Amino acid sequence: MSPIPKETLEAYLDDALSDAETAEVERSLRDSDPMRKQLQSLMRSRDRGEHSVGAIWRRHRLSCPSREQVGSYLLGAMEADAHDYVQFHVETVGCSACLANLADLESQRAEEPAQAKTRRKRYYDSTAGLLRPARNA
């Protein structure tokens, strides 16, 4: 088995790999003491605050569209350039966080009207006290 590059181990720690890549890294970690030591060293470096710009970018998901943008993508309510970017990010890059947002939004969209009405009422009831009008001073 070939050694796993440091960048892949960093992506593993950031939970930014596909399921197949994650499985490959975990197999290597089980089978290789040097690989486990490399991962532990990388974790210690992170704990000391040694971060690369790329690691910070990935960790904070700076290239990810917002949930609202993913929802607009799902509804087809985006300008062409933005749509193309979200499509690339979700379908080609396969960002796990954005795929999870997309799946959640799709499930809400497919929800029966009665279920949606019940969910909306529950949200309203839980926040109604916060929606009182402001008093004039």
C-alpha atoms as a PDB file:
ATOM      1  CA  MET A   1       0.000   0.000   0.000  1.00  0.00           C
ATOM      2  CA  SER A   2       1.379   3.401  -0.992  1.00  0.00           C
ATOM      3  CA  PRO A   3       1.940   6.073   1.661  1.00  0.00           C
ATOM      4  CA  ILE A   4      -0.862   8.577   2.144  1.00  0.00           C
ATOM      5  CA  PRO A   5       0.151  12.202   1.501  1.00  0.00           C
ATOM      6  CA  LYS A   6       0.024  14.723   4.341  1.00  0.00           C
ATOM      7  CA  GLU A   7      -2.679  16.716   2.499  1.00  0.00           C
ATOM      8  CA  THR A   8      -4.932  13.645   2.441  1.00  0.00           C
ATOM      9  CA  LEU A   9      -4.403  13.081   6.168  1.00  0.00           C
ATOM     10  CA  GLU A  10      -5.307  16.734   6.788  1.00  0.00           C
ATOM     11  CA  ALA A  11      -8.450  16.316   4.713  1.00  0.00           C
ATOM     12  CA  TYR A  12      -9.204  13.166   6.728  1.00  0.00           C
ATOM     13  CA  LEU A  13      -8.983  15.171   9.962  1.00  0.00           C
ATOM     14  CA  ASP A  14     -11.238  17.838   8.442  1.00  0.00           C
ATOM     15  CA  ASP A  15     -13.778  15.186   7.400  1.00  0.00           C
ATOM     16  CA  ALA A  16     -13.393  16.387   3.827  1.00  0.00           C
ATOM     17  CA  LEU A  17     -12.847  13.049   2.068  1.00  0.00           C
ATOM     18  CA  SER A  18     -15.300  10.847   0.232  1.00  0.00           C
ATOM     19  CA  ASP A  19     -16.410   7.624   1.908  1.00  0.00           C
ATOM     20  CA  ALA A  20     -14.040   5.595  -0.290  1.00  0.00           C
ATOM     21  CA  GLU A  21     -11.059   7.852   0.490  1.00  0.00           C
ATOM     22  CA  THR A  22     -11.866   7.790   4.215  1.00  0.00           C
ATOM     23  CA  ALA A  23     -11.997   3.987   4.144  1.00  0.00           C
ATOM     24  CA  GLU A  24      -8.622   3.856   2.374  1.00  0.00           C
ATOM     25  CA  VAL A  25      -7.015   6.159   4.969  1.00  0.00           C
ATOM     26  CA  GLU A  26      -8.481   4.121   7.831  1.00  0.00           C
ATOM     27  CA  ARG A  27      -7.181   0.859   6.300  1.00  0.00           C
ATOM     28  CA  SER A  28      -3.728   2.415   6.044  1.00  0.00           C
ATOM     29  CA  LEU A  29      -3.901   3.615   9.638  1.00  0.00           C
ATOM     30  CA  ARG A  30      -4.856   0.140  10.858  1.00  0.00           C
ATOM     31  CA  ASP A  31      -2.080  -1.542   8.881  1.00  0.00           C
ATOM     32  CA  SER A  32       0.775   0.950   9.290  1.00  0.00           C
ATOM     33  CA  ASP A  33       2.422   2.069  12.510  1.00  0.00           C
ATOM     34  CA  PRO A  34       4.405   4.810  10.673  1.00  0.00           C
ATOM     35  CA  MET A  35       1.136   6.130   9.231  1.00  0.00           C
ATOM     36  CA  ARG A  36      -0.429   6.280  12.711  1.00  0.00           C
ATOM     37  CA  LYS A  37       2.633   8.141  13.990  1.00  0.00           C
ATOM     38  CA  GLN A  38       2.388  10.592  11.073  1.00  0.00           C
ATOM     39  CA  LEU A  39      -1.282  11.224  11.896  1.00  0.00           C
ATOM     40  CA  GLN A  40      -0.490  11.734  15.596  1.00  0.00           C
ATOM     41  CA  SER A  41       2.265  14.195  14.665  1.00  0.00           C
ATOM     42  CA  LEU A  42      -0.125  16.092  12.427  1.00  0.00           C
ATOM     43  CA  MET A  43      -2.722  16.231  15.217  1.00  0.00           C
ATOM     44  CA  ARG A  44      -0.101  17.556  17.670  1.00  0.00           C
ATOM     45  CA  SER A  45       0.891  20.237  15.149  1.00  0.00           C
ATOM     46  CA  ARG A  46      -2.707  21.310  14.834  1.00  0.00           C
ATOM     47  CA  ASP A  47      -3.096  21.401  18.604  1.00  0.00           C
ATOM     48  CA  ARG A  48      -0.108  23.774  18.767  1.00  0.00           C
ATOM     49  CA  GLY A  49      -1.840  26.076  16.327  1.00  0.00           C
ATOM     50  CA  GLU A  50       0.238  25.346  13.242  1.00  0.00           C
ATOM     51  CA  HIS A  51      -2.263  25.871  10.457  1.00  0.00           C
ATOM     52  CA  SER A  52      -1.912  26.423   6.756  1.00  0.00           C
ATOM     53  CA  VAL A  53      -4.118  28.803   4.801  1.00  0.00           C
ATOM     54  CA  GLY A  54      -5.512  25.790   2.951  1.00  0.00           C
ATOM     55  CA  ALA A  55      -6.410  24.002   6.188  1.00  0.00           C
ATOM     56  CA  ILE A  56      -8.182  27.070   7.552  1.00  0.00           C
ATOM     57  CA  TRP A  57      -9.997  27.509   4.237  1.00  0.00           C
ATOM     58  CA  ARG A  58     -11.238  23.899   4.293  1.00  0.00           C
ATOM     59  CA  ARG A  59     -12.072  23.862   8.004  1.00  0.00           C
ATOM     60  CA  HIS A  60     -14.247  26.958   7.751  1.00  0.00           C
ATOM     61  CA  ARG A  61     -15.696  25.817   4.424  1.00  0.00           C
ATOM     62  CA  LEU A  62     -15.027  29.195   2.830  1.00  0.00           C
ATOM     63  CA  SER A  63     -15.797  27.905  -0.656  1.00  0.00           C
ATOM     64  CA  CYS A  64     -19.156  26.408   0.380  1.00  0.00           C
ATOM     65  CA  PRO A  65     -22.363  28.116  -0.671  1.00  0.00           C
ATOM     66  CA  SER A  66     -24.729  29.082   2.133  1.00  0.00           C
ATOM     67  CA  ARG A  67     -27.761  26.932   2.941  1.00  0.00           C
ATOM     68  CA  GLU A  68     -29.935  29.609   1.350  1.00  0.00           C
ATOM     69  CA  GLN A  69     -27.870  29.407  -1.843  1.00  0.00           C
ATOM     70  CA  VAL A  70     -28.173  25.601  -1.865  1.00  0.00           C
ATOM     71  CA  GLY A  71     -31.943  26.047  -1.474  1.00  0.00           C
ATOM     72  CA  SER A  72     -32.036  28.518  -4.385  1.00  0.00           C
ATOM     73  CA  TYR A  73     -30.030  26.003  -6.424  1.00  0.00           C
ATOM     74  CA  LEU A  74     -32.563  23.301  -5.608  1.00  0.00           C
ATOM     75  CA  LEU A  75     -35.433  25.558  -6.683  1.00  0.00           C
ATOM     76  CA  GLY A  76     -33.618  26.670  -9.838  1.00  0.00           C
ATOM     77  CA  ALA A  77     -33.804  30.286  -8.668  1.00  0.00           C
ATOM     78  CA  MET A  78     -30.192  31.366  -9.247  1.00  0.00           C
ATOM     79  CA  GLU A  79     -28.315  33.264 -11.889  1.00  0.00           C
ATOM     80  CA  ALA A  80     -26.500  30.986 -14.329  1.00  0.00           C
ATOM     81  CA  ASP A  81     -22.981  31.598 -12.952  1.00  0.00           C
ATOM     82  CA  ALA A  82     -24.023  30.965  -9.342  1.00  0.00           C
ATOM     83  CA  HIS A  83     -25.986  27.873 -10.394  1.00  0.00           C
ATOM     84  CA  ASP A  84     -22.960  26.517 -12.255  1.00  0.00           C
ATOM     85  CA  TYR A  85     -20.727  27.067  -9.220  1.00  0.00           C
ATOM     86  CA  VAL A  86     -23.099  25.325  -6.789  1.00  0.00           C
ATOM     87  CA  GLN A  87     -23.611  22.498  -9.286  1.00  0.00           C
ATOM     88  CA  PHE A  88     -19.828  22.054  -9.617  1.00  0.00           C
ATOM     89  CA  HIS A  89     -19.348  22.248  -5.830  1.00  0.00           C
ATOM     90  CA  VAL A  90     -22.061  19.674  -5.109  1.00  0.00           C
ATOM     91  CA  GLU A  91     -21.829  17.306  -8.085  1.00  0.00           C
ATOM     92  CA  THR A  92     -18.134  17.415  -9.019  1.00  0.00           C
ATOM     93  CA  VAL A  93     -16.387  18.293  -5.753  1.00  0.00           C
ATOM     94  CA  GLY A  94     -18.954  16.314  -3.756  1.00  0.00           C
ATOM     95  CA  CYS A  95     -18.717  18.489  -0.634  1.00  0.00           C
ATOM     96  CA  SER A  96     -20.192  16.398   2.167  1.00  0.00           C
ATOM     97  CA  ALA A  97     -21.587  19.386   4.084  1.00  0.00           C
ATOM     98  CA  CYS A  98     -23.331  20.821   1.039  1.00  0.00           C
ATOM     99  CA  LEU A  99     -24.617  17.408  -0.032  1.00  0.00           C
ATOM    100  CA  ALA A 100     -26.118  17.020   3.458  1.00  0.00           C
ATOM    101  CA  ASN A 101     -27.769  20.446   3.178  1.00  0.00           C
ATOM    102  CA  LEU A 102     -29.108  19.549  -0.267  1.00  0.00           C
ATOM    103  CA  ALA A 103     -30.502  16.211   0.952  1.00  0.00           C
ATOM    104  CA  ASP A 104     -32.161  17.899   3.949  1.00  0.00           C
ATOM    105  CA  LEU A 105     -33.720  20.594   1.772  1.00  0.00           C
ATOM    106  CA  GLU A 106     -34.910  17.986  -0.738  1.00  0.00           C
ATOM    107  CA  SER A 107     -36.553  15.982   2.044  1.00  0.00           C
ATOM    108  CA  GLN A 108     -38.321  19.104   3.317  1.00  0.00           C
ATOM    109  CA  ARG A 109     -39.467  19.897  -0.206  1.00  0.00           C
ATOM    110  CA  ALA A 110     -40.851  16.373  -0.648  1.00  0.00           C
ATOM    111  CA  GLU A 111     -42.690  16.593   2.664  1.00  0.00           C
ATOM    112  CA  GLU A 112     -46.455  16.137   2.640  1.00  0.00           C
ATOM    113  CA  PRO A 113     -48.383  19.416   3.021  1.00  0.00           C
ATOM    114  CA  ALA A 114     -49.891  18.247   6.334  1.00  0.00           C
ATOM    115  CA  GLN A 115     -46.427  17.464   7.725  1.00  0.00           C
ATOM    116  CA  ALA A 116     -45.111  20.841   6.577  1.00  0.00           C
ATOM    117  CA  LYS A 117     -48.067  22.619   8.192  1.00  0.00           C
ATOM    118  CA  THR A 118     -47.483  20.760  11.483  1.00  0.00           C
ATOM    119  CA  ARG A 119     -43.750  21.579  11.392  1.00  0.00           C
ATOM    120  CA  ARG A 120     -44.427  25.275  10.694  1.00  0.00           C
ATOM    121  CA  LYS A 121     -46.978  25.462  13.516  1.00  0.00           C
ATOM    122  CA  ARG A 122     -44.497  23.848  15.921  1.00  0.00           C
ATOM    123  CA  TYR A 123     -41.835  26.414  14.916  1.00  0.00           C
ATOM    124  CA  TYR A 124     -44.296  29.274  15.330  1.00  0.00           C
ATOM    125  CA  ASP A 125     -45.514  28.030  18.720  1.00  0.00           C
ATOM    126  CA  SER A 126     -41.945  27.694  19.982  1.00  0.00           C
ATOM    127  CA  THR A 127     -41.060  31.279  19.022  1.00  0.00           C
ATOM    128  CA  ALA A 128     -44.360  33.146  19.413  1.00  0.00           C
ATOM    129  CA  GLY A 129     -43.231  34.758  22.672  1.00  0.00           C
ATOM    130  CA  LEU A 130     -40.219  36.231  20.912  1.00  0.00           C
ATOM    131  CA  LEU A 131     -42.398  37.854  18.271  1.00  0.00           C
ATOM    132  CA  ARG A 132     -44.311  40.245  20.540  1.00  0.00           C
ATOM    133  CA  PRO A 133     -44.434  43.805  19.210  1.00  0.00           C
ATOM    134  CA  ALA A 134     -42.065  46.278  20.803  1.00  0.00           C
ATOM    135  CA  ARG A 135     -43.667  48.708  23.252  1.00  0.00           C
ATOM    136  CA  ASN A 136     -43.375  52.402  22.695  1.00  0.00           C
ATOM    137  CA  ALA A 137     -41.199  54.033  25.311  1.00  0.00           C
END
